[in-house]
Protein backbone atom coordinates (compact mmCIF):
# COMPACT_ATOMS: atom_id res chain seq x y z
CA MET A 1 13.96 38.60 15.18
CA SER A 2 15.90 36.85 12.45
CA GLN A 3 15.25 33.54 14.22
CA ASP A 4 11.50 33.80 13.51
CA ASP A 5 12.16 33.16 9.83
CA LYS A 6 13.79 29.85 10.67
CA LEU A 7 11.07 28.61 13.02
CA ILE A 8 9.11 25.61 11.86
CA ASP A 9 5.52 25.02 12.85
CA LEU A 10 5.76 21.42 14.00
CA ASN A 11 1.99 20.93 14.09
CA SER A 12 1.57 21.89 10.45
CA GLU A 13 4.59 19.81 9.39
CA ARG A 14 3.23 16.79 11.27
CA ALA A 15 -0.20 17.27 9.72
CA LYS A 16 1.37 17.35 6.24
CA ARG A 17 3.36 14.20 6.96
CA VAL A 18 0.36 12.35 8.36
CA HIS A 19 -1.69 13.44 5.36
CA ASP A 20 1.00 12.20 2.96
CA ILE A 21 1.21 8.84 4.77
CA LYS A 22 -2.57 8.40 4.65
CA GLU A 23 -2.70 9.47 1.01
CA LYS A 24 0.00 6.92 0.14
CA ARG A 25 -1.89 4.18 1.98
CA LEU A 26 -5.14 5.15 0.27
CA ASN A 27 -3.47 4.92 -3.14
CA GLU A 28 -2.05 1.49 -2.29
CA VAL A 29 -5.47 0.21 -1.22
CA ARG A 30 -7.09 1.74 -4.31
CA ASN A 31 -4.56 0.07 -6.62
CA ALA A 32 -4.95 -3.30 -4.86
CA PHE A 33 -8.74 -3.03 -5.14
CA GLU A 34 -8.58 -2.17 -8.84
CA GLN A 35 -6.36 -5.20 -9.46
CA ALA A 36 -8.70 -7.49 -7.50
CA MET A 37 -11.90 -6.09 -8.99
CA PRO A 38 -11.17 -4.04 -12.10
CA LEU A 39 -13.77 -1.49 -12.96
CA GLY A 40 -15.13 -2.18 -16.41
CA LYS A 41 -15.32 0.66 -18.84
CA PRO A 42 -18.92 1.79 -19.26
CA LYS A 43 -20.45 0.28 -22.34
CA LYS A 44 -21.71 2.72 -24.91
CA LYS A 45 -25.36 2.27 -25.68
CA SER A 46 -25.93 1.84 -29.36
CA LYS A 47 -28.70 3.82 -30.91
CA SER A 48 -30.78 0.98 -32.19
CA LYS A 49 -34.18 1.17 -33.72
CA PRO A 50 -37.06 0.27 -31.45
CA LYS A 51 -38.36 -3.28 -31.82
CA LYS A 52 -41.40 -3.72 -33.98
CA ARG A 53 -44.37 -5.41 -32.38
């Protein structure tokens, strides 16, 4: 049974590869989107006094 140690589960290896490919593509799309429409940093609200009426 020494061959069992060398067996590779092709389904799990394929799933990993497909996941890596999709993750790479997702990162590419995310980077392209951020370049096209950069997300502005949230502005900090200043603690100003309320307006007098």
